[in-house]
Amino acid sequence: MAKNLLIIISGHPCTGKTTLSRKISNKLKLPLISKDDIKESLFDSLGVKDREWSRKLGIASFDLMYQFIETLLLGNTSFIVETPLKPEFDNEKFLNLQRKHDFEVLQIICNTDDAVLFERFKKRTESGERHPGHVDDQNYDMFKDGLLKDKHEPLNISGEIIEIDTTNFNSIDYDAIFNSIKSAKSKIDC
């Protein structure tokens, strides 16, 4: 039986994770689990409140995401997970999953120039296109002072890592990314 390929697409907010994950999902016909999609569904069901409420639903979204991951791993299918994972919180969870299930990991890490990233964050917040439950307009200081200080790091788990500079979306070589995924998948399908 072939192994699952779990594709993790991670990076800071506004690095293009969602756009990239949807392109890969559509092109390669792979299921996609997006933590923000889960969180926005919770907002729609339970309502929008303040920043503390958004944090609580964020924690619940991660719990649900891990439950969905485990379900797909049991179903022996390759799939994509898109969210900003952090080694200090998520390494052990993925290591536990790897101990329980036979799957391979391909991490795609999106990084963007800090100035561009902050401008994208502000533009997205002010555009009105983002779900209001995220209350991103209350996050400017946290985003600028916290997230922009460090490059987004991959999880310390087994598997291949691809790092992508998403500062200029037009310079991303999507064909190379698709080919890397196909190559990783063909290695485990043997």
N, C-alpha and C. Protein backbone atom coordinates (compact mmCIF):
# COMPACT_ATOMS: atom_id res chain seq x y z
N MET A 1 0.83 -1.18 0.00
CA MET A 1 0.00 0.00 0.00
C MET A 1 0.88 1.25 0.00
N ALA A 2 0.51 2.25 -0.81
CA ALA A 2 1.27 3.49 -0.90
C ALA A 2 1.09 4.31 0.37
N LYS A 3 2.11 5.10 0.70
CA LYS A 3 2.04 6.01 1.84
C LYS A 3 1.28 7.27 1.46
N ASN A 4 0.78 7.95 2.49
CA ASN A 4 0.22 9.29 2.30
C ASN A 4 1.37 10.28 2.13
N LEU A 5 1.13 11.32 1.34
CA LEU A 5 2.02 12.47 1.30
C LEU A 5 1.27 13.62 1.94
N LEU A 6 1.78 14.11 3.04
CA LEU A 6 1.20 15.26 3.72
C LEU A 6 2.01 16.48 3.32
N ILE A 7 1.38 17.41 2.62
CA ILE A 7 2.03 18.64 2.18
C ILE A 7 1.64 19.74 3.16
N ILE A 8 2.62 20.27 3.86
CA ILE A 8 2.39 21.36 4.81
C ILE A 8 2.81 22.66 4.13
N ILE A 9 1.89 23.61 4.06
CA ILE A 9 2.21 24.93 3.53
C ILE A 9 2.09 25.90 4.69
N SER A 10 3.23 26.47 5.08
CA SER A 10 3.29 27.29 6.27
C SER A 10 4.05 28.58 5.99
N GLY A 11 3.90 29.52 6.88
CA GLY A 11 4.56 30.82 6.76
C GLY A 11 3.77 31.83 7.57
N HIS A 12 4.31 33.03 7.69
CA HIS A 12 3.60 34.10 8.40
C HIS A 12 2.33 34.46 7.64
N PRO A 13 1.39 35.15 8.31
CA PRO A 13 0.21 35.67 7.61
C PRO A 13 0.62 36.55 6.44
N CYS A 14 -0.12 36.48 5.37
CA CYS A 14 0.05 37.31 4.17
C CYS A 14 1.27 36.94 3.33
N THR A 15 1.78 35.73 3.48
CA THR A 15 2.89 35.29 2.63
C THR A 15 2.39 34.54 1.39
N GLY A 16 1.09 34.38 1.24
CA GLY A 16 0.55 33.71 0.06
C GLY A 16 0.27 32.24 0.26
N LYS A 17 0.21 31.78 1.50
CA LYS A 17 -0.03 30.36 1.78
C LYS A 17 -1.35 29.87 1.20
N THR A 18 -2.40 30.65 1.40
CA THR A 18 -3.73 30.24 0.95
C THR A 18 -3.79 30.17 -0.57
N THR A 19 -3.26 31.18 -1.23
CA THR A 19 -3.25 31.19 -2.70
C THR A 19 -2.47 30.00 -3.23
N LEU A 20 -1.30 29.76 -2.68
CA LEU A 20 -0.47 28.64 -3.12
C LEU A 20 -1.15 27.31 -2.85
N SER A 21 -1.71 27.14 -1.67
CA SER A 21 -2.33 25.85 -1.33
C SER A 21 -3.54 25.57 -2.22
N ARG A 22 -4.29 26.57 -2.55
CA ARG A 22 -5.45 26.37 -3.43
C ARG A 22 -5.02 26.03 -4.85
N LYS A 23 -3.95 26.68 -5.32
CA LYS A 23 -3.43 26.34 -6.65
C LYS A 23 -2.98 24.88 -6.69
N ILE A 24 -2.25 24.45 -5.67
CA ILE A 24 -1.76 23.07 -5.62
C ILE A 24 -2.93 22.10 -5.50
N SER A 25 -3.89 22.41 -4.66
CA SER A 25 -5.05 21.55 -4.48
C SER A 25 -5.82 21.38 -5.79
N ASN A 26 -6.06 22.49 -6.48
CA ASN A 26 -6.79 22.43 -7.75
C ASN A 26 -6.00 21.71 -8.83
N LYS A 27 -4.73 22.01 -8.94
CA LYS A 27 -3.91 21.43 -10.01
C LYS A 27 -3.71 19.92 -9.81
N LEU A 28 -3.44 19.51 -8.57
CA LEU A 28 -3.12 18.11 -8.31
C LEU A 28 -4.29 17.32 -7.71
N LYS A 29 -5.45 17.98 -7.59
CA LYS A 29 -6.67 17.32 -7.10
C LYS A 29 -6.45 16.68 -5.72
N LEU A 30 -5.90 17.47 -4.80
CA LEU A 30 -5.62 17.00 -3.44
C LEU A 30 -6.54 17.73 -2.45
N PRO A 31 -7.07 17.01 -1.45
CA PRO A 31 -7.85 17.68 -0.41
C PRO A 31 -7.00 18.72 0.32
N LEU A 32 -7.65 19.78 0.76
CA LEU A 32 -6.98 20.88 1.45
C LEU A 32 -7.65 21.13 2.79
N ILE A 33 -6.85 21.13 3.85
CA ILE A 33 -7.30 21.54 5.18
C ILE A 33 -6.66 22.89 5.47
N SER A 34 -7.49 23.91 5.64
CA SER A 34 -7.00 25.25 5.94
C SER A 34 -7.51 25.66 7.30
N LYS A 35 -6.61 25.99 8.21
CA LYS A 35 -7.01 26.38 9.57
C LYS A 35 -7.91 27.60 9.54
N ASP A 36 -7.64 28.57 8.67
CA ASP A 36 -8.50 29.76 8.61
C ASP A 36 -9.89 29.43 8.08
N ASP A 37 -10.01 28.48 7.16
CA ASP A 37 -11.35 28.07 6.71
C ASP A 37 -12.15 27.49 7.87
N ILE A 38 -11.48 26.69 8.71
CA ILE A 38 -12.14 26.11 9.88
C ILE A 38 -12.56 27.23 10.83
N LYS A 39 -11.65 28.15 11.09
CA LYS A 39 -11.92 29.24 12.03
C LYS A 39 -13.07 30.12 11.53
N GLU A 40 -13.09 30.40 10.24
CA GLU A 40 -14.15 31.24 9.69
C GLU A 40 -15.49 30.53 9.75
N SER A 41 -15.50 29.23 9.60
CA SER A 41 -16.74 28.46 9.75
C SER A 41 -17.24 28.55 11.20
N LEU A 42 -16.31 28.51 12.15
CA LEU A 42 -16.69 28.67 13.55
C LEU A 42 -17.25 30.08 13.82
N PHE A 43 -16.64 31.11 13.22
CA PHE A 43 -17.18 32.46 13.36
C PHE A 43 -18.62 32.51 12.83
N ASP A 44 -18.83 31.88 11.66
CA ASP A 44 -20.16 31.91 11.06
C ASP A 44 -21.19 31.18 11.93
N SER A 45 -20.76 30.13 12.60
CA SER A 45 -21.68 29.36 13.46
C SER A 45 -21.87 29.97 14.84
N LEU A 46 -20.78 30.50 15.42
CA LEU A 46 -20.81 30.93 16.82
C LEU A 46 -20.79 32.44 17.01
N GLY A 47 -20.53 33.18 15.95
CA GLY A 47 -20.55 34.63 16.02
C GLY A 47 -19.17 35.26 16.10
N VAL A 48 -19.14 36.56 15.85
CA VAL A 48 -17.93 37.38 15.88
C VAL A 48 -17.97 38.25 17.11
N LYS A 49 -16.86 38.30 17.83
CA LYS A 49 -16.80 39.14 19.03
C LYS A 49 -15.50 39.94 19.02
N ASP A 50 -14.69 39.78 20.06
CA ASP A 50 -13.47 40.56 20.21
C ASP A 50 -12.22 39.71 19.93
N ARG A 51 -11.06 40.30 20.19
CA ARG A 51 -9.78 39.63 19.94
C ARG A 51 -9.64 38.35 20.78
N GLU A 52 -10.07 38.38 22.03
CA GLU A 52 -9.98 37.20 22.89
C GLU A 52 -10.83 36.06 22.33
N TRP A 53 -12.00 36.37 21.84
CA TRP A 53 -12.87 35.37 21.21
C TRP A 53 -12.19 34.78 19.97
N SER A 54 -11.58 35.63 19.19
CA SER A 54 -10.86 35.17 18.00
C SER A 54 -9.75 34.21 18.38
N ARG A 55 -9.02 34.51 19.46
CA ARG A 55 -7.96 33.61 19.94
C ARG A 55 -8.54 32.26 20.36
N LYS A 56 -9.66 32.29 21.09
CA LYS A 56 -10.29 31.03 21.53
C LYS A 56 -10.71 30.18 20.34
N LEU A 57 -11.30 30.81 19.35
CA LEU A 57 -11.70 30.05 18.16
C LEU A 57 -10.48 29.60 17.36
N GLY A 58 -9.40 30.36 17.44
CA GLY A 58 -8.16 29.93 16.80
C GLY A 58 -7.64 28.64 17.42
N ILE A 59 -7.68 28.55 18.74
CA ILE A 59 -7.24 27.32 19.44
C ILE A 59 -8.14 26.16 19.05
N ALA A 60 -9.46 26.40 19.04
CA ALA A 60 -10.40 25.35 18.63
C ALA A 60 -10.15 24.93 17.19
N SER A 61 -9.79 25.88 16.33
CA SER A 61 -9.52 25.58 14.92
C SER A 61 -8.33 24.65 14.77
N PHE A 62 -7.28 24.90 15.56
CA PHE A 62 -6.11 24.02 15.52
C PHE A 62 -6.48 22.61 15.99
N ASP A 63 -7.29 22.52 17.05
CA ASP A 63 -7.71 21.20 17.53
C ASP A 63 -8.49 20.45 16.46
N LEU A 64 -9.41 21.15 15.81
CA LEU A 64 -10.19 20.52 14.73
C LEU A 64 -9.29 20.15 13.55
N MET A 65 -8.34 21.03 13.23
CA MET A 65 -7.43 20.75 12.13
C MET A 65 -6.68 19.45 12.36
N TYR A 66 -6.16 19.27 13.58
CA TYR A 66 -5.44 18.03 13.88
C TYR A 66 -6.35 16.81 13.82
N GLN A 67 -7.61 16.98 14.19
CA GLN A 67 -8.56 15.88 14.08
C GLN A 67 -8.79 15.53 12.61
N PHE A 68 -8.92 16.55 11.76
CA PHE A 68 -9.11 16.30 10.32
C PHE A 68 -7.87 15.64 9.72
N ILE A 69 -6.69 16.09 10.15
CA ILE A 69 -5.45 15.48 9.66
C ILE A 69 -5.43 13.99 9.98
N GLU A 70 -5.73 13.67 11.21
CA GLU A 70 -5.72 12.26 11.63
C GLU A 70 -6.73 11.44 10.82
N THR A 71 -7.90 12.01 10.57
CA THR A 71 -8.92 11.31 9.78
C THR A 71 -8.42 11.03 8.37
N LEU A 72 -7.79 12.01 7.74
CA LEU A 72 -7.29 11.80 6.38
C LEU A 72 -6.12 10.82 6.36
N LEU A 73 -5.28 10.86 7.39
CA LEU A 73 -4.19 9.90 7.47
C LEU A 73 -4.73 8.47 7.56
N LEU A 74 -5.79 8.28 8.31
CA LEU A 74 -6.41 6.96 8.40
C LEU A 74 -7.02 6.54 7.07
N GLY A 75 -7.42 7.51 6.26
CA GLY A 75 -8.04 7.22 4.97
C GLY A 75 -7.04 6.95 3.86
N ASN A 76 -5.75 6.99 4.20
CA ASN A 76 -4.69 6.68 3.23
C ASN A 76 -4.79 7.51 1.95
N THR A 77 -4.86 8.82 2.15
CA THR A 77 -4.89 9.72 1.00
C THR A 77 -3.88 10.85 1.21
N SER A 78 -3.30 11.31 0.15
CA SER A 78 -2.41 12.47 0.24
C SER A 78 -3.26 13.73 0.32
N PHE A 79 -2.75 14.76 1.01
CA PHE A 79 -3.52 15.98 1.19
C PHE A 79 -2.61 17.13 1.59
N ILE A 80 -3.21 18.32 1.68
CA ILE A 80 -2.49 19.56 2.00
C ILE A 80 -3.04 20.13 3.30
N VAL A 81 -2.14 20.64 4.14
CA VAL A 81 -2.51 21.40 5.33
C VAL A 81 -1.89 22.78 5.18
N GLU A 82 -2.72 23.81 5.32
CA GLU A 82 -2.23 25.18 5.18
C GLU A 82 -2.53 25.96 6.45
N THR A 83 -1.46 26.37 7.13
CA THR A 83 -1.58 27.17 8.34
C THR A 83 -0.19 27.60 8.81
N PRO A 84 -0.09 28.66 9.60
CA PRO A 84 1.22 29.03 10.14
C PRO A 84 1.60 28.16 11.34
N LEU A 85 2.24 27.05 11.07
CA LEU A 85 2.68 26.14 12.14
C LEU A 85 3.95 26.68 12.79
N LYS A 86 4.11 26.37 14.08
CA LYS A 86 5.29 26.83 14.81
C LYS A 86 5.96 25.62 15.45
N PRO A 87 7.27 25.48 15.26
CA PRO A 87 7.97 24.32 15.83
C PRO A 87 7.72 24.12 17.32
N GLU A 88 7.70 25.20 18.10
CA GLU A 88 7.54 25.04 19.55
C GLU A 88 6.18 24.48 19.94
N PHE A 89 5.19 24.63 19.09
CA PHE A 89 3.85 24.10 19.38
C PHE A 89 3.52 22.83 18.59
N ASP A 90 4.06 22.73 17.38
CA ASP A 90 3.57 21.71 16.46
C ASP A 90 4.52 20.56 16.17
N ASN A 91 5.82 20.70 16.51
CA ASN A 91 6.75 19.60 16.27
C ASN A 91 6.27 18.29 16.89
N GLU A 92 5.99 18.34 18.18
CA GLU A 92 5.63 17.11 18.90
C GLU A 92 4.33 16.51 18.36
N LYS A 93 3.39 17.35 17.99
CA LYS A 93 2.13 16.84 17.45
C LYS A 93 2.37 16.06 16.15
N PHE A 94 3.22 16.61 15.28
CA PHE A 94 3.49 15.92 14.02
C PHE A 94 4.37 14.69 14.23
N LEU A 95 5.29 14.77 15.18
CA LEU A 95 6.10 13.58 15.49
C LEU A 95 5.21 12.45 16.01
N ASN A 96 4.23 12.78 16.83
CA ASN A 96 3.28 11.77 17.31
C ASN A 96 2.47 11.18 16.16
N LEU A 97 2.05 12.04 15.25
CA LEU A 97 1.32 11.54 14.08
C LEU A 97 2.19 10.61 13.24
N GLN A 98 3.47 10.98 13.08
CA GLN A 98 4.39 10.13 12.30
C GLN A 98 4.64 8.79 12.98
N ARG A 99 4.61 8.76 14.30
CA ARG A 99 4.77 7.49 15.01
C ARG A 99 3.54 6.59 14.83
N LYS A 100 2.38 7.19 14.69
CA LYS A 100 1.14 6.43 14.59
C LYS A 100 0.79 6.01 13.16
N HIS A 101 1.20 6.81 12.18
CA HIS A 101 0.77 6.61 10.79
C HIS A 101 1.97 6.58 9.86
N ASP A 102 1.82 5.88 8.78
CA ASP A 102 2.89 5.76 7.79
C ASP A 102 2.67 6.81 6.71
N PHE A 103 3.35 7.96 6.84
CA PHE A 103 3.21 9.01 5.82
C PHE A 103 4.52 9.78 5.70
N GLU A 104 4.64 10.44 4.56
CA GLU A 104 5.79 11.30 4.29
C GLU A 104 5.33 12.75 4.32
N VAL A 105 6.26 13.65 4.62
CA VAL A 105 5.95 15.07 4.71
C VAL A 105 6.78 15.86 3.70
N LEU A 106 6.12 16.80 3.06
CA LEU A 106 6.79 17.81 2.24
C LEU A 106 6.33 19.16 2.79
N GLN A 107 7.28 19.92 3.35
CA GLN A 107 6.95 21.24 3.88
C GLN A 107 7.31 22.30 2.85
N ILE A 108 6.36 23.19 2.58
CA ILE A 108 6.61 24.35 1.73
C ILE A 108 6.48 25.57 2.64
N ILE A 109 7.59 26.28 2.80
CA ILE A 109 7.65 27.43 3.71
C ILE A 109 7.68 28.70 2.88
N CYS A 110 6.70 29.57 3.12
CA CYS A 110 6.61 30.85 2.40
C CYS A 110 7.19 31.95 3.28
N ASN A 111 8.14 32.68 2.74
CA ASN A 111 8.73 33.83 3.43
C ASN A 111 8.68 35.04 2.51
N THR A 112 8.47 36.21 3.11
CA THR A 112 8.32 37.45 2.38
C THR A 112 9.10 38.55 3.08
N ASP A 113 9.62 39.49 2.32
CA ASP A 113 10.29 40.67 2.87
C ASP A 113 9.37 41.33 3.90
N ASP A 114 9.94 41.73 5.06
CA ASP A 114 9.13 42.27 6.16
C ASP A 114 8.29 43.48 5.78
N ALA A 115 8.88 44.43 5.06
CA ALA A 115 8.13 45.64 4.70
C ALA A 115 6.96 45.30 3.79
N VAL A 116 7.18 44.42 2.84
CA VAL A 116 6.12 43.99 1.93
C VAL A 116 5.04 43.25 2.72
N LEU A 117 5.47 42.41 3.64
CA LEU A 117 4.54 41.61 4.43
C LEU A 117 3.62 42.50 5.26
N PHE A 118 4.17 43.52 5.91
CA PHE A 118 3.34 44.40 6.73
C PHE A 118 2.35 45.17 5.86
N GLU A 119 2.80 45.63 4.71
CA GLU A 119 1.89 46.36 3.81
C GLU A 119 0.78 45.44 3.31
N ARG A 120 1.09 44.19 3.01
CA ARG A 120 0.05 43.23 2.62
C ARG A 120 -0.96 43.02 3.75
N PHE A 121 -0.45 42.91 4.96
CA PHE A 121 -1.32 42.69 6.12
C PHE A 121 -2.28 43.86 6.27
N LYS A 122 -1.77 45.08 6.21
CA LYS A 122 -2.61 46.27 6.33
C LYS A 122 -3.63 46.33 5.19
N LYS A 123 -3.16 46.07 3.98
CA LYS A 123 -4.06 46.14 2.81
C LYS A 123 -5.17 45.11 2.92
N ARG A 124 -4.82 43.89 3.32
CA ARG A 124 -5.82 42.84 3.46
C ARG A 124 -6.84 43.21 4.53
N THR A 125 -6.36 43.75 5.65
CA THR A 125 -7.24 44.14 6.74
C THR A 125 -8.21 45.24 6.32
N GLU A 126 -7.69 46.22 5.61
CA GLU A 126 -8.50 47.38 5.22
C GLU A 126 -9.38 47.13 4.01
N SER A 127 -9.13 46.03 3.30
CA SER A 127 -9.89 45.75 2.08
C SER A 127 -11.32 45.31 2.36
N GLY A 128 -11.56 44.77 3.56
CA GLY A 128 -12.88 44.25 3.88
C GLY A 128 -13.13 42.86 3.32
N GLU A 129 -12.14 42.27 2.64
CA GLU A 129 -12.30 40.94 2.06
C GLU A 129 -12.04 39.83 3.07
N ARG A 130 -11.32 40.12 4.12
CA ARG A 130 -11.02 39.11 5.14
C ARG A 130 -12.20 39.01 6.10
N HIS A 131 -12.45 37.83 6.59
CA HIS A 131 -13.57 37.62 7.51
C HIS A 131 -13.40 38.55 8.72
N PRO A 132 -14.45 39.28 9.12
CA PRO A 132 -14.31 40.24 10.22
C PRO A 132 -14.01 39.59 11.57
N GLY A 133 -14.25 38.31 11.71
CA GLY A 133 -13.99 37.63 12.97
C GLY A 133 -12.52 37.62 13.36
N HIS A 134 -11.62 37.75 12.39
CA HIS A 134 -10.19 37.75 12.68
C HIS A 134 -9.75 39.00 13.44
N VAL A 135 -10.55 40.05 13.38
CA VAL A 135 -10.26 41.35 13.99
C VAL A 135 -8.80 41.75 13.78
N ASP A 136 -8.35 41.62 12.55
CA ASP A 136 -6.95 41.94 12.23
C ASP A 136 -6.60 43.40 12.50
N ASP A 137 -7.60 44.29 12.45
CA ASP A 137 -7.32 45.70 12.72
C ASP A 137 -6.83 45.93 14.15
N GLN A 138 -7.04 44.95 15.02
CA GLN A 138 -6.55 45.03 16.40
C GLN A 138 -5.20 44.35 16.56
N ASN A 139 -4.62 43.88 15.46
CA ASN A 139 -3.38 43.10 15.50
C ASN A 139 -2.16 43.81 14.92
N TYR A 140 -2.28 45.04 14.50
CA TYR A 140 -1.14 45.69 13.84
C TYR A 140 0.13 45.65 14.68
N ASP A 141 0.03 46.04 15.95
CA ASP A 141 1.23 46.08 16.79
C ASP A 141 1.80 44.69 17.02
N MET A 142 0.93 43.72 17.33
CA MET A 142 1.40 42.36 17.54
C MET A 142 2.07 41.81 16.28
N PHE A 143 1.45 42.08 15.14
CA PHE A 143 2.00 41.59 13.88
C PHE A 143 3.36 42.22 13.60
N LYS A 144 3.43 43.52 13.73
CA LYS A 144 4.67 44.23 13.43
C LYS A 144 5.77 43.91 14.43
N ASP A 145 5.44 43.88 15.71
CA ASP A 145 6.45 43.67 16.75
C ASP A 145 6.82 42.20 16.94
N GLY A 146 5.89 41.31 16.71
CA GLY A 146 6.12 39.90 16.98
C GLY A 146 6.53 39.10 15.76
N LEU A 147 5.63 39.00 14.83
CA LEU A 147 5.86 38.10 13.69
C LEU A 147 6.97 38.56 12.77
N LEU A 148 7.11 39.85 12.60
CA LEU A 148 8.09 40.34 11.63
C LEU A 148 9.52 40.23 12.13
N LYS A 149 9.72 39.91 13.38
CA LYS A 149 11.08 39.82 13.91
C LYS A 149 11.81 38.57 13.45
N ASP A 150 11.09 37.52 13.17
CA ASP A 150 11.72 36.24 12.87
C ASP A 150 11.24 35.68 11.54
N LYS A 151 12.15 35.02 10.86
CA LYS A 151 11.81 34.28 9.66
C LYS A 151 10.97 33.06 10.10
N HIS A 152 10.01 32.69 9.30
CA HIS A 152 9.18 31.52 9.64
C HIS A 152 10.02 30.25 9.44
N GLU A 153 10.08 29.44 10.47
CA GLU A 153 10.90 28.23 10.44
C GLU A 153 10.05 26.99 10.17
N PRO A 154 10.61 26.03 9.44
CA PRO A 154 9.89 24.77 9.22
C PRO A 154 9.85 23.95 10.51
N LEU A 155 8.95 22.97 10.52
CA LEU A 155 8.92 22.04 11.64
C LEU A 155 10.15 21.16 11.60
N ASN A 156 10.59 20.71 12.75
CA ASN A 156 11.75 19.82 12.84
C ASN A 156 11.26 18.37 12.86
N ILE A 157 10.79 17.94 11.68
CA ILE A 157 10.28 16.58 11.50
C ILE A 157 10.89 16.04 10.21
N SER A 158 10.76 14.74 10.00
CA SER A 158 11.35 14.16 8.79
C SER A 158 10.59 14.65 7.56
N GLY A 159 11.28 14.64 6.43
CA GLY A 159 10.65 15.03 5.18
C GLY A 159 11.40 16.14 4.49
N GLU A 160 11.02 16.35 3.24
CA GLU A 160 11.64 17.37 2.40
C GLU A 160 11.09 18.76 2.76
N ILE A 161 11.93 19.78 2.57
CA ILE A 161 11.54 21.18 2.82
C ILE A 161 11.85 22.00 1.58
N ILE A 162 10.86 22.76 1.14
CA ILE A 162 11.03 23.71 0.05
C ILE A 162 10.75 25.10 0.62
N GLU A 163 11.69 26.02 0.47
CA GLU A 163 11.46 27.39 0.92
C GLU A 163 11.23 28.27 -0.30
N ILE A 164 10.20 29.10 -0.22
CA ILE A 164 9.81 29.95 -1.34
C ILE A 164 9.79 31.41 -0.89
N ASP A 165 10.43 32.27 -1.67
CA ASP A 165 10.35 33.71 -1.43
C ASP A 165 9.11 34.21 -2.15
N THR A 166 8.12 34.66 -1.38
CA THR A 166 6.86 35.11 -1.95
C THR A 166 6.74 36.63 -1.95
N THR A 167 7.88 37.32 -1.89
CA THR A 167 7.86 38.78 -1.90
C THR A 167 7.21 39.29 -3.18
N ASN A 168 7.53 38.66 -4.31
CA ASN A 168 6.95 39.01 -5.60
C ASN A 168 6.21 37.78 -6.12
N PHE A 169 4.88 37.82 -6.05
CA PHE A 169 4.08 36.67 -6.47
C PHE A 169 4.33 36.28 -7.92
N ASN A 170 4.67 37.27 -8.76
CA ASN A 170 4.90 36.98 -10.18
C ASN A 170 6.17 36.19 -10.44
N SER A 171 7.07 36.14 -9.47
CA SER A 171 8.34 35.42 -9.68
C SER A 171 8.30 33.98 -9.17
N ILE A 172 7.17 33.55 -8.62
CA ILE A 172 7.06 32.19 -8.09
C ILE A 172 6.96 31.20 -9.24
N ASP A 173 7.81 30.19 -9.21
CA ASP A 173 7.82 29.15 -10.24
C ASP A 173 6.89 28.01 -9.82
N TYR A 174 5.61 28.16 -10.15
CA TYR A 174 4.61 27.18 -9.75
C TYR A 174 4.87 25.81 -10.37
N ASP A 175 5.34 25.80 -11.62
CA ASP A 175 5.63 24.51 -12.25
C ASP A 175 6.70 23.73 -11.48
N ALA A 176 7.72 24.43 -10.98
CA ALA A 176 8.76 23.76 -10.20
C ALA A 176 8.17 23.20 -8.90
N ILE A 177 7.27 23.94 -8.29
CA ILE A 177 6.61 23.46 -7.06
C ILE A 177 5.77 22.23 -7.36
N PHE A 178 4.95 22.29 -8.42
CA PHE A 178 4.12 21.14 -8.80
C PHE A 178 5.00 19.92 -9.08
N ASN A 179 6.10 20.13 -9.78
CA ASN A 179 7.00 19.02 -10.11
C ASN A 179 7.66 18.43 -8.87
N SER A 180 8.01 19.28 -7.91
CA SER A 180 8.59 18.78 -6.66
C SER A 180 7.58 17.91 -5.90
N ILE A 181 6.33 18.34 -5.91
CA ILE A 181 5.29 17.56 -5.24
C ILE A 181 5.07 16.23 -5.96
N LYS A 182 4.99 16.28 -7.27
CA LYS A 182 4.80 15.05 -8.05
C LYS A 182 5.96 14.09 -7.83
N SER A 183 7.17 14.62 -7.76
CA SER A 183 8.35 13.79 -7.52
C SER A 183 8.30 13.16 -6.15
N ALA A 184 7.94 13.94 -5.12
CA ALA A 184 7.82 13.41 -3.76
C ALA A 184 6.75 12.33 -3.70
N LYS A 185 5.65 12.56 -4.40
CA LYS A 185 4.55 11.59 -4.40
C LYS A 185 4.96 10.32 -5.13
N SER A 186 5.68 10.46 -6.22
CA SER A 186 6.07 9.26 -6.98
C SER A 186 7.05 8.38 -6.18
N LYS A 187 7.86 9.00 -5.32
CA LYS A 187 8.79 8.24 -4.49
C LYS A 187 8.07 7.32 -3.50
N ILE A 188 6.92 7.77 -3.02
CA ILE A 188 6.21 6.96 -2.02
C ILE A 188 5.16 6.05 -2.64
N ASP A 189 4.83 6.29 -3.90
CA ASP A 189 3.84 5.44 -4.59
C ASP A 189 4.46 4.15 -5.10
N CYS A 190 5.78 4.03 -5.02
CA CYS A 190 6.47 2.84 -5.54
C CYS A 190 6.20 1.62 -4.67
